[in-house]
Amino acid sequence: MTAPYDLVIDDRPVPLAVRDHGGDGAPVLLLHGLGGTLLHWDAVAPLLTGSHRVVAMDLRGHGLSGEGPWKWEAVLDDVQAVVDHLGLDAPLVVGHSLGGMVAVQWALRHPDAPGIVNLDGLRSAETGPPLYAGVEEEELRELLAELKAVFDAQAAAMAQPLPEGHAAMFPPRALLTTDEGVFVRPGAALAGQVRYDPYFLDSVPSVAEIRCPALFVLATRNLPGLPGRVGELMPAQRAGIRRDLLPLVADRPHLRVLELDASHAMVAEQPGEVARAVLDFHLDACARPPA
């Protein structure tokens, strides 16, 4: 098996870093989540190259890609630039978390696409109380306030350079070195743009507009190590997603839902199961008539 090939597409306003894993067959494009990089897929990609041409990219503001404001249409243009540059010709787009939201937007722009896979990327944890299920409103508001405090603290830390010695805790690709110090990517400004974006807060309604085949893989467990009582909020978030998503897919056979025994970090926890879900979905989607 040939080693992955790294390149940067630099003939555009936002340079884009890409890892071409090679492989033969229908193309697959992999999109990481907020705060991730294309390295996120290194355990999954080799499991797909036996039957697919596999490419991963750093989203703008992440990894070795350039800086640019987070605008969904601009991000889709980034994805299109990678597709065009590498001649991928109608790829299956697979995204985790934020990348899954980009994949949904890609499906809306390309109703004739061969399909998308969204890995636990439908709704931010910082949504409003009506989007949760199974928790009394007073308790829910307390939990959401605690969650906001956690995210506020993270945002404040991201705006400051890392303390001396802390850079070793992160992969070099996830860091940006400036005259002011070493910062984690994405920067605080871009992360703030994403955090409060209405579509990032809830992309579930957009599912009803998807016309190409789509698979939604949902987590069933909490992320390990959640602070305080935040863990009590996550089952209510998952319940709210299921409550709102399942009716949308019930009468749309080109849309599918799979629950995976994993947390939101499913790509790292279960790379084999994630790869199997992608492969099985692609085979099934190819056998189905268009929506």
C-alpha atoms as a PDB file:
ATOM      1  CA  MET A   1       0.000   0.000   0.000  1.00  0.00           C
ATOM      2  CA  THR A   2       1.387   3.423  -0.947  1.00  0.00           C
ATOM      3  CA  ALA A   3       1.951   6.029   1.744  1.00  0.00           C
ATOM      4  CA  PRO A   4      -0.476   8.959   1.974  1.00  0.00           C
ATOM      5  CA  TYR A   5       0.507  11.989  -0.069  1.00  0.00           C
ATOM      6  CA  ASP A   6       0.210  15.475   1.458  1.00  0.00           C
ATOM      7  CA  LEU A   7      -0.279  18.622  -0.586  1.00  0.00           C
ATOM      8  CA  VAL A   8      -1.518  22.199  -0.274  1.00  0.00           C
ATOM      9  CA  ILE A   9      -3.879  23.756  -2.808  1.00  0.00           C
ATOM     10  CA  ASP A  10      -2.579  27.321  -2.767  1.00  0.00           C
ATOM     11  CA  ASP A  11      -4.062  28.889  -5.898  1.00  0.00           C
ATOM     12  CA  ARG A  12      -7.047  30.340  -4.016  1.00  0.00           C
ATOM     13  CA  PRO A  13      -7.765  32.898  -1.230  1.00  0.00           C
ATOM     14  CA  VAL A  14      -7.699  30.232   1.502  1.00  0.00           C
ATOM     15  CA  PRO A  15      -4.980  27.611   0.967  1.00  0.00           C
ATOM     16  CA  LEU A  16      -6.220  24.084   1.680  1.00  0.00           C
ATOM     17  CA  ALA A  17      -4.143  21.254   3.111  1.00  0.00           C
ATOM     18  CA  VAL A  18      -5.044  17.808   1.807  1.00  0.00           C
ATOM     19  CA  ARG A  19      -3.960  14.219   2.482  1.00  0.00           C
ATOM     20  CA  ASP A  20      -4.497  11.821  -0.417  1.00  0.00           C
ATOM     21  CA  HIS A  21      -4.632   8.282   0.951  1.00  0.00           C
ATOM     22  CA  GLY A  22      -4.886   6.775  -2.519  1.00  0.00           C
ATOM     23  CA  GLY A  23      -6.939   3.684  -3.239  1.00  0.00           C
ATOM     24  CA  ASP A  24      -9.067   2.558  -6.146  1.00  0.00           C
ATOM     25  CA  GLY A  25     -12.771   2.998  -6.737  1.00  0.00           C
ATOM     26  CA  ALA A  26     -15.398   5.625  -6.074  1.00  0.00           C
ATOM     27  CA  PRO A  27     -13.956   8.706  -4.312  1.00  0.00           C
ATOM     28  CA  VAL A  28     -14.557   9.430  -0.627  1.00  0.00           C
ATOM     29  CA  LEU A  29     -13.817  12.839   0.910  1.00  0.00           C
ATOM     30  CA  LEU A  30     -13.376  12.989   4.700  1.00  0.00           C
ATOM     31  CA  LEU A  31     -14.156  16.112   6.776  1.00  0.00           C
ATOM     32  CA  HIS A  32     -13.111  16.455  10.422  1.00  0.00           C
ATOM     33  CA  GLY A  33     -14.910  18.254  13.237  1.00  0.00           C
ATOM     34  CA  LEU A  34     -14.364  21.580  15.006  1.00  0.00           C
ATOM     35  CA  GLY A  35     -10.848  21.696  16.413  1.00  0.00           C
ATOM     36  CA  GLY A  36      -9.752  18.626  14.459  1.00  0.00           C
ATOM     37  CA  THR A  37      -7.454  18.080  11.489  1.00  0.00           C
ATOM     38  CA  LEU A  38      -7.206  15.626   8.640  1.00  0.00           C
ATOM     39  CA  LEU A  39      -5.129  13.412  10.973  1.00  0.00           C
ATOM     40  CA  HIS A  40      -8.485  12.590  12.578  1.00  0.00           C
ATOM     41  CA  TRP A  41      -9.036  10.042   9.782  1.00  0.00           C
ATOM     42  CA  ASP A  42      -5.701   8.222   9.759  1.00  0.00           C
ATOM     43  CA  ALA A  43      -7.153   5.082  11.361  1.00  0.00           C
ATOM     44  CA  VAL A  44     -10.283   5.039   9.165  1.00  0.00           C
ATOM     45  CA  ALA A  45      -8.852   5.914   5.747  1.00  0.00           C
ATOM     46  CA  PRO A  46      -6.752   2.737   5.262  1.00  0.00           C
ATOM     47  CA  LEU A  47      -9.880   0.667   5.915  1.00  0.00           C
ATOM     48  CA  LEU A  48     -11.587   2.347   2.945  1.00  0.00           C
ATOM     49  CA  THR A  49      -8.802   2.377   0.337  1.00  0.00           C
ATOM     50  CA  GLY A  50      -9.409  -1.235  -0.698  1.00  0.00           C
ATOM     51  CA  SER A  51     -12.527  -0.115  -2.560  1.00  0.00           C
ATOM     52  CA  HIS A  52     -12.347   3.700  -2.643  1.00  0.00           C
ATOM     53  CA  ARG A  53     -10.077   6.594  -3.526  1.00  0.00           C
ATOM     54  CA  VAL A  54      -9.818   8.330  -0.156  1.00  0.00           C
ATOM     55  CA  VAL A  55      -8.937  11.970   0.500  1.00  0.00           C
ATOM     56  CA  ALA A  56      -9.032  14.009   3.727  1.00  0.00           C
ATOM     57  CA  MET A  57      -8.715  17.773   4.079  1.00  0.00           C
ATOM     58  CA  ASP A  58      -8.096  20.368   6.767  1.00  0.00           C
ATOM     59  CA  LEU A  59     -11.080  22.716   6.907  1.00  0.00           C
ATOM     60  CA  ARG A  60     -10.318  26.447   6.766  1.00  0.00           C
ATOM     61  CA  GLY A  61      -8.876  27.734  10.015  1.00  0.00           C
ATOM     62  CA  HIS A  62      -7.767  24.216  10.979  1.00  0.00           C
ATOM     63  CA  GLY A  63      -4.585  22.211  10.629  1.00  0.00           C
ATOM     64  CA  LEU A  64      -2.351  23.516   7.855  1.00  0.00           C
ATOM     65  CA  SER A  65      -5.135  25.198   5.877  1.00  0.00           C
ATOM     66  CA  GLY A  66      -5.345  28.977   5.696  1.00  0.00           C
ATOM     67  CA  GLU A  67      -7.444  31.416   7.675  1.00  0.00           C
ATOM     68  CA  GLY A  68     -10.825  32.636   6.504  1.00  0.00           C
ATOM     69  CA  PRO A  69     -14.197  33.554   8.001  1.00  0.00           C
ATOM     70  CA  TRP A  70     -16.571  30.686   8.655  1.00  0.00           C
ATOM     71  CA  LYS A  71     -19.236  31.084   6.001  1.00  0.00           C
ATOM     72  CA  TRP A  72     -20.955  27.895   4.908  1.00  0.00           C
ATOM     73  CA  GLU A  73     -20.979  28.740   1.199  1.00  0.00           C
ATOM     74  CA  ALA A  74     -17.284  29.591   1.347  1.00  0.00           C
ATOM     75  CA  VAL A  75     -16.535  26.316   3.129  1.00  0.00           C
ATOM     76  CA  LEU A  76     -18.479  24.433   0.444  1.00  0.00           C
ATOM     77  CA  ASP A  77     -16.374  26.254  -2.151  1.00  0.00           C
ATOM     78  CA  ASP A  78     -13.293  24.961  -0.296  1.00  0.00           C
ATOM     79  CA  VAL A  79     -14.603  21.412  -0.557  1.00  0.00           C
ATOM     80  CA  GLN A  80     -15.358  21.941  -4.248  1.00  0.00           C
ATOM     81  CA  ALA A  81     -11.809  23.193  -4.787  1.00  0.00           C
ATOM     82  CA  VAL A  82     -10.403  19.954  -3.362  1.00  0.00           C
ATOM     83  CA  VAL A  83     -12.799  17.881  -5.468  1.00  0.00           C
ATOM     84  CA  ASP A  84     -11.823  19.754  -8.625  1.00  0.00           C
ATOM     85  CA  HIS A  85      -8.086  19.846  -7.943  1.00  0.00           C
ATOM     86  CA  LEU A  86      -7.874  16.094  -7.359  1.00  0.00           C
ATOM     87  CA  GLY A  87     -10.449  15.135  -9.976  1.00  0.00           C
ATOM     88  CA  LEU A  88     -12.616  13.306  -7.451  1.00  0.00           C
ATOM     89  CA  ASP A  89     -15.791  13.560  -9.584  1.00  0.00           C
ATOM     90  CA  ALA A  90     -18.850  13.251  -7.331  1.00  0.00           C
ATOM     91  CA  PRO A  91     -17.349  11.948  -4.077  1.00  0.00           C
ATOM     92  CA  LEU A  92     -19.151  10.373  -1.164  1.00  0.00           C
ATOM     93  CA  VAL A  93     -18.665  13.066   1.508  1.00  0.00           C
ATOM     94  CA  VAL A  94     -18.165  11.771   5.056  1.00  0.00           C
ATOM     95  CA  GLY A  95     -18.071  14.287   7.893  1.00  0.00           C
ATOM     96  CA  HIS A  96     -17.757  14.056  11.650  1.00  0.00           C
ATOM     97  CA  SER A  97     -19.389  16.635  13.943  1.00  0.00           C
ATOM     98  CA  LEU A  98     -18.876  20.035  12.249  1.00  0.00           C
ATOM     99  CA  GLY A  99     -17.697  18.160   9.172  1.00  0.00           C
ATOM    100  CA  GLY A 100     -20.999  16.277   9.202  1.00  0.00           C
ATOM    101  CA  MET A 101     -22.842  19.592   9.085  1.00  0.00           C
ATOM    102  CA  VAL A 102     -20.733  20.589   6.084  1.00  0.00           C
ATOM    103  CA  ALA A 103     -21.686  17.255   4.501  1.00  0.00           C
ATOM    104  CA  VAL A 104     -25.388  18.082   4.914  1.00  0.00           C
ATOM    105  CA  GLN A 105     -24.811  21.445   3.245  1.00  0.00           C
ATOM    106  CA  TRP A 106     -22.939  19.651   0.451  1.00  0.00           C
ATOM    107  CA  ALA A 107     -25.961  17.385  -0.056  1.00  0.00           C
ATOM    108  CA  LEU A 108     -28.236  20.417  -0.329  1.00  0.00           C
ATOM    109  CA  ARG A 109     -25.941  21.973  -2.941  1.00  0.00           C
ATOM    110  CA  HIS A 110     -25.578  18.648  -4.797  1.00  0.00           C
ATOM    111  CA  PRO A 111     -28.933  16.830  -4.777  1.00  0.00           C
ATOM    112  CA  ASP A 112     -27.560  14.337  -7.310  1.00  0.00           C
ATOM    113  CA  ALA A 113     -24.508  13.451  -5.190  1.00  0.00           C
ATOM    114  CA  PRO A 114     -23.849   9.739  -4.594  1.00  0.00           C
ATOM    115  CA  GLY A 115     -24.406  10.323  -0.890  1.00  0.00           C
ATOM    116  CA  ILE A 116     -23.175  11.730   2.393  1.00  0.00           C
ATOM    117  CA  VAL A 117     -22.418  10.246   5.803  1.00  0.00           C
ATOM    118  CA  ASN A 118     -22.958  12.432   8.869  1.00  0.00           C
ATOM    119  CA  LEU A 119     -21.181  11.137  11.962  1.00  0.00           C
ATOM    120  CA  ASP A 120     -22.895  12.664  15.007  1.00  0.00           C
ATOM    121  CA  GLY A 121     -22.977  16.136  13.486  1.00  0.00           C
ATOM    122  CA  LEU A 122     -26.531  17.416  13.696  1.00  0.00           C
ATOM    123  CA  ARG A 123     -26.779  19.683  16.711  1.00  0.00           C
ATOM    124  CA  SER A 124     -24.556  21.631  19.082  1.00  0.00           C
ATOM    125  CA  ALA A 125     -24.849  20.970  22.795  1.00  0.00           C
ATOM    126  CA  GLU A 126     -25.578  24.688  23.313  1.00  0.00           C
ATOM    127  CA  THR A 127     -29.047  24.625  21.780  1.00  0.00           C
ATOM    128  CA  GLY A 128     -32.168  25.936  23.507  1.00  0.00           C
ATOM    129  CA  PRO A 129     -34.284  23.946  25.989  1.00  0.00           C
ATOM    130  CA  PRO A 130     -36.965  22.898  23.430  1.00  0.00           C
ATOM    131  CA  LEU A 131     -34.368  20.849  21.542  1.00  0.00           C
ATOM    132  CA  TYR A 132     -33.679  18.610  24.543  1.00  0.00           C
ATOM    133  CA  ALA A 133     -35.909  15.814  25.789  1.00  0.00           C
ATOM    134  CA  GLY A 134     -36.489  14.088  29.109  1.00  0.00           C
ATOM    135  CA  VAL A 135     -35.297  16.760  31.570  1.00  0.00           C
ATOM    136  CA  GLU A 136     -37.443  19.168  33.569  1.00  0.00           C
ATOM    137  CA  GLU A 137     -37.075  22.750  32.335  1.00  0.00           C
ATOM    138  CA  GLU A 138     -35.673  24.195  35.570  1.00  0.00           C
ATOM    139  CA  GLU A 139     -33.003  21.510  35.826  1.00  0.00           C
ATOM    140  CA  LEU A 140     -32.308  21.828  32.097  1.00  0.00           C
ATOM    141  CA  ARG A 141     -31.644  25.555  32.398  1.00  0.00           C
ATOM    142  CA  GLU A 142     -29.228  24.905  35.276  1.00  0.00           C
ATOM    143  CA  LEU A 143     -27.356  22.310  33.229  1.00  0.00           C
ATOM    144  CA  LEU A 144     -27.229  24.576  30.187  1.00  0.00           C
ATOM    145  CA  ALA A 145     -25.835  27.398  32.328  1.00  0.00           C
ATOM    146  CA  GLU A 146     -23.088  25.074  33.562  1.00  0.00           C
ATOM    147  CA  LEU A 147     -22.354  23.976  30.005  1.00  0.00           C
ATOM    148  CA  LYS A 148     -22.136  27.597  28.853  1.00  0.00           C
ATOM    149  CA  ALA A 149     -19.657  28.334  31.625  1.00  0.00           C
ATOM    150  CA  VAL A 150     -17.484  25.437  30.416  1.00  0.00           C
ATOM    151  CA  PHE A 151     -17.554  26.669  26.808  1.00  0.00           C
ATOM    152  CA  ASP A 152     -16.946  30.267  27.891  1.00  0.00           C
ATOM    153  CA  ALA A 153     -13.853  29.164  29.798  1.00  0.00           C
ATOM    154  CA  GLN A 154     -12.618  27.223  26.761  1.00  0.00           C
ATOM    155  CA  ALA A 155     -13.177  30.250  24.521  1.00  0.00           C
ATOM    156  CA  ALA A 156     -11.260  32.497  26.909  1.00  0.00           C
ATOM    157  CA  ALA A 157      -8.367  30.031  26.989  1.00  0.00           C
ATOM    158  CA  MET A 158      -8.297  29.773  23.187  1.00  0.00           C
ATOM    159  CA  ALA A 159      -7.859  33.542  22.941  1.00  0.00           C
ATOM    160  CA  GLN A 160      -4.592  33.318  24.916  1.00  0.00           C
ATOM    161  CA  PRO A 161      -1.294  31.705  23.911  1.00  0.00           C
ATOM    162  CA  LEU A 162      -0.650  28.316  25.430  1.00  0.00           C
ATOM    163  CA  PRO A 163       1.324  28.322  28.683  1.00  0.00           C
ATOM    164  CA  GLU A 164       4.924  27.259  28.329  1.00  0.00           C
ATOM    165  CA  GLY A 165       5.218  23.499  27.935  1.00  0.00           C
ATOM    166  CA  HIS A 166       1.542  22.953  27.065  1.00  0.00           C
ATOM    167  CA  ALA A 167       2.109  22.865  23.305  1.00  0.00           C
ATOM    168  CA  ALA A 168       3.436  19.312  23.653  1.00  0.00           C
ATOM    169  CA  MET A 169      -0.092  18.216  24.614  1.00  0.00           C
ATOM    170  CA  PHE A 170      -1.345  18.942  21.070  1.00  0.00           C
ATOM    171  CA  PRO A 171      -0.338  17.584  17.665  1.00  0.00           C
ATOM    172  CA  PRO A 172       1.816  20.190  15.896  1.00  0.00           C
ATOM    173  CA  ARG A 173      -0.703  20.356  13.053  1.00  0.00           C
ATOM    174  CA  ALA A 174      -3.312  21.738  15.462  1.00  0.00           C
ATOM    175  CA  LEU A 175      -1.121  24.684  16.550  1.00  0.00           C
ATOM    176  CA  LEU A 176      -0.333  28.103  15.135  1.00  0.00           C
ATOM    177  CA  THR A 177       2.881  29.862  16.144  1.00  0.00           C
ATOM    178  CA  THR A 178       2.874  33.678  16.054  1.00  0.00           C
ATOM    179  CA  ASP A 179       4.989  36.474  17.492  1.00  0.00           C
ATOM    180  CA  GLU A 180       2.590  36.469  20.462  1.00  0.00           C
ATOM    181  CA  GLY A 181       3.025  32.777  21.214  1.00  0.00           C
ATOM    182  CA  VAL A 182       1.589  29.403  20.286  1.00  0.00           C
ATOM    183  CA  PHE A 183      -2.184  29.143  19.840  1.00  0.00           C
ATOM    184  CA  VAL A 184      -4.533  26.222  19.336  1.00  0.00           C
ATOM    185  CA  ARG A 185      -6.380  26.171  16.016  1.00  0.00           C
ATOM    186  CA  PRO A 186      -8.995  27.160  15.142  1.00  0.00           C
ATOM    187  CA  GLY A 187      -8.504  30.604  16.592  1.00  0.00           C
ATOM    188  CA  ALA A 188     -10.952  32.087  19.064  1.00  0.00           C
ATOM    189  CA  ALA A 189     -12.557  34.313  16.418  1.00  0.00           C
ATOM    190  CA  LEU A 190     -13.441  31.475  14.040  1.00  0.00           C
ATOM    191  CA  ALA A 191     -14.539  29.200  16.889  1.00  0.00           C
ATOM    192  CA  GLY A 192     -16.842  31.974  18.102  1.00  0.00           C
ATOM    193  CA  GLN A 193     -18.342  32.382  14.636  1.00  0.00           C
ATOM    194  CA  VAL A 194     -19.143  28.687  14.539  1.00  0.00           C
ATOM    195  CA  ARG A 195     -20.350  28.476  18.128  1.00  0.00           C
ATOM    196  CA  TYR A 196     -23.222  30.920  17.679  1.00  0.00           C
ATOM    197  CA  ASP A 197     -24.147  30.098  14.094  1.00  0.00           C
ATOM    198  CA  PRO A 198     -27.855  29.090  13.917  1.00  0.00           C
ATOM    199  CA  TYR A 199     -27.173  26.189  11.563  1.00  0.00           C
ATOM    200  CA  PHE A 200     -24.404  24.880  13.838  1.00  0.00           C
ATOM    201  CA  LEU A 201     -26.793  25.054  16.780  1.00  0.00           C
ATOM    202  CA  ASP A 202     -29.360  22.928  14.940  1.00  0.00           C
ATOM    203  CA  SER A 203     -29.015  21.450  11.452  1.00  0.00           C
ATOM    204  CA  VAL A 204     -31.734  18.806  11.930  1.00  0.00           C
ATOM    205  CA  PRO A 205     -34.434  20.720   9.962  1.00  0.00           C
ATOM    206  CA  SER A 206     -32.160  20.754   6.896  1.00  0.00           C
ATOM    207  CA  VAL A 207     -32.311  16.959   6.741  1.00  0.00           C
ATOM    208  CA  ALA A 208     -35.807  17.159   5.260  1.00  0.00           C
ATOM    209  CA  GLU A 209     -34.386  18.941   2.185  1.00  0.00           C
ATOM    210  CA  ILE A 210     -31.764  16.296   1.344  1.00  0.00           C
ATOM    211  CA  ARG A 211     -32.441  14.509  -1.936  1.00  0.00           C
ATOM    212  CA  CYS A 212     -29.354  12.319  -2.249  1.00  0.00           C
ATOM    213  CA  PRO A 213     -28.738   9.198  -0.113  1.00  0.00           C
ATOM    214  CA  ALA A 214     -27.636  10.076   3.417  1.00  0.00           C
ATOM    215  CA  LEU A 215     -26.628   8.133   6.503  1.00  0.00           C
ATOM    216  CA  PHE A 216     -26.764   9.639   9.991  1.00  0.00           C
ATOM    217  CA  VAL A 217     -24.670   7.819  12.582  1.00  0.00           C
ATOM    218  CA  LEU A 218     -25.681   8.689  16.139  1.00  0.00           C
ATOM    219  CA  ALA A 219     -23.669   8.255  19.321  1.00  0.00           C
ATOM    220  CA  THR A 220     -25.186   6.315  22.218  1.00  0.00           C
ATOM    221  CA  ARG A 221     -22.725   7.138  25.008  1.00  0.00           C
ATOM    222  CA  ASN A 222     -21.285  10.226  26.693  1.00  0.00           C
ATOM    223  CA  LEU A 223     -17.838  11.513  25.938  1.00  0.00           C
ATOM    224  CA  PRO A 224     -15.533  10.390  28.756  1.00  0.00           C
ATOM    225  CA  GLY A 225     -14.329  12.992  31.218  1.00  0.00           C
ATOM    226  CA  LEU A 226     -17.130  15.538  30.900  1.00  0.00           C
ATOM    227  CA  PRO A 227     -16.850  18.149  33.692  1.00  0.00           C
ATOM    228  CA  GLY A 228     -19.340  18.618  36.517  1.00  0.00           C
ATOM    229  CA  ARG A 229     -22.949  17.769  35.689  1.00  0.00           C
ATOM    230  CA  VAL A 230     -22.536  18.308  31.950  1.00  0.00           C
ATOM    231  CA  GLY A 231     -22.744  14.558  31.459  1.00  0.00           C
ATOM    232  CA  GLU A 232     -26.331  14.642  32.722  1.00  0.00           C
ATOM    233  CA  LEU A 233     -27.219  16.903  29.794  1.00  0.00           C
ATOM    234  CA  MET A 234     -25.926  14.672  27.008  1.00  0.00           C
ATOM    235  CA  PRO A 235     -28.593  11.913  27.152  1.00  0.00           C
ATOM    236  CA  ALA A 236     -31.239  14.644  26.896  1.00  0.00           C
ATOM    237  CA  GLN A 237     -29.477  16.082  23.859  1.00  0.00           C
ATOM    238  CA  ARG A 238     -29.310  12.668  22.174  1.00  0.00           C
ATOM    239  CA  ALA A 239     -32.974  12.046  23.007  1.00  0.00           C
ATOM    240  CA  GLY A 240     -33.938  15.378  21.459  1.00  0.00           C
ATOM    241  CA  ILE A 241     -32.042  14.597  18.266  1.00  0.00           C
ATOM    242  CA  ARG A 242     -33.750  11.217  17.927  1.00  0.00           C
ATOM    243  CA  ARG A 243     -37.156  12.730  18.652  1.00  0.00           C
ATOM    244  CA  ASP A 244     -36.721  15.336  15.908  1.00  0.00           C
ATOM    245  CA  LEU A 245     -34.707  13.336  13.355  1.00  0.00           C
ATOM    246  CA  LEU A 246     -36.539  10.010  13.184  1.00  0.00           C
ATOM    247  CA  PRO A 247     -39.847  11.466  11.901  1.00  0.00           C
ATOM    248  CA  LEU A 248     -37.921  13.205   9.100  1.00  0.00           C
ATOM    249  CA  VAL A 249     -36.372   9.985   7.833  1.00  0.00           C
ATOM    250  CA  ALA A 250     -39.406   7.749   8.398  1.00  0.00           C
ATOM    251  CA  ASP A 251     -40.973   8.425   4.980  1.00  0.00           C
ATOM    252  CA  ARG A 252     -37.719   9.121   3.121  1.00  0.00           C
ATOM    253  CA  PRO A 253     -36.102   5.779   2.228  1.00  0.00           C
ATOM    254  CA  HIS A 254     -32.982   7.473   0.870  1.00  0.00           C
ATOM    255  CA  LEU A 255     -32.217   8.666   4.423  1.00  0.00           C
ATOM    256  CA  ARG A 256     -30.967   6.231   7.044  1.00  0.00           C
ATOM    257  CA  VAL A 257     -30.075   6.311  10.734  1.00  0.00           C
ATOM    258  CA  LEU A 258     -27.548   4.066  12.473  1.00  0.00           C
ATOM    259  CA  GLU A 259     -26.837   4.077  16.202  1.00  0.00           C
ATOM    260  CA  LEU A 260     -23.267   3.212  17.118  1.00  0.00           C
ATOM    261  CA  ASP A 261     -22.042   1.986  20.501  1.00  0.00           C
ATOM    262  CA  ALA A 262     -19.674   4.916  20.918  1.00  0.00           C
ATOM    263  CA  SER A 263     -19.488   8.496  22.134  1.00  0.00           C
ATOM    264  CA  HIS A 264     -19.156  11.625  20.033  1.00  0.00           C
ATOM    265  CA  ALA A 265     -15.502  10.591  19.606  1.00  0.00           C
ATOM    266  CA  MET A 266     -16.648   7.594  17.540  1.00  0.00           C
ATOM    267  CA  VAL A 267     -14.025   8.041  14.814  1.00  0.00           C
ATOM    268  CA  ALA A 268     -11.233   7.515  17.355  1.00  0.00           C
ATOM    269  CA  GLU A 269     -13.107   4.950  19.467  1.00  0.00           C
ATOM    270  CA  GLN A 270     -14.525   2.750  16.716  1.00  0.00           C
ATOM    271  CA  PRO A 271     -12.628   3.324  13.440  1.00  0.00           C
ATOM    272  CA  GLY A 272     -13.467  -0.166  12.198  1.00  0.00           C
ATOM    273  CA  GLU A 273     -17.193   0.281  12.824  1.00  0.00           C
ATOM    274  CA  VAL A 274     -17.160   3.738  11.251  1.00  0.00           C
ATOM    275  CA  ALA A 275     -15.423   2.380   8.141  1.00  0.00           C
ATOM    276  CA  ARG A 276     -17.863  -0.520   7.956  1.00  0.00           C
ATOM    277  CA  ALA A 277     -20.810   1.858   8.176  1.00  0.00           C
ATOM    278  CA  VAL A 278     -19.407   3.946   5.304  1.00  0.00           C
ATOM    279  CA  LEU A 279     -18.714   0.900   3.117  1.00  0.00           C
ATOM    280  CA  ASP A 280     -22.078  -0.726   3.766  1.00  0.00           C
ATOM    281  CA  PHE A 281     -23.921   2.527   3.161  1.00  0.00           C
ATOM    282  CA  HIS A 282     -22.151   3.145  -0.136  1.00  0.00           C
ATOM    283  CA  LEU A 283     -22.995  -0.346  -1.402  1.00  0.00           C
ATOM    284  CA  ASP A 284     -26.610   0.117  -0.372  1.00  0.00           C
ATOM    285  CA  ALA A 285     -26.855   3.631  -1.818  1.00  0.00           C
ATOM    286  CA  CYS A 286     -25.522   2.444  -5.175  1.00  0.00           C
ATOM    287  CA  ALA A 287     -28.250  -0.191  -5.303  1.00  0.00           C
ATOM    288  CA  ARG A 288     -31.076   2.259  -4.563  1.00  0.00           C
ATOM    289  CA  PRO A 289     -32.952   4.304  -7.161  1.00  0.00           C
ATOM    290  CA  PRO A 290     -32.647   8.118  -6.837  1.00  0.00           C
ATOM    291  CA  ALA A 291     -34.992   9.858  -4.383  1.00  0.00           C
END
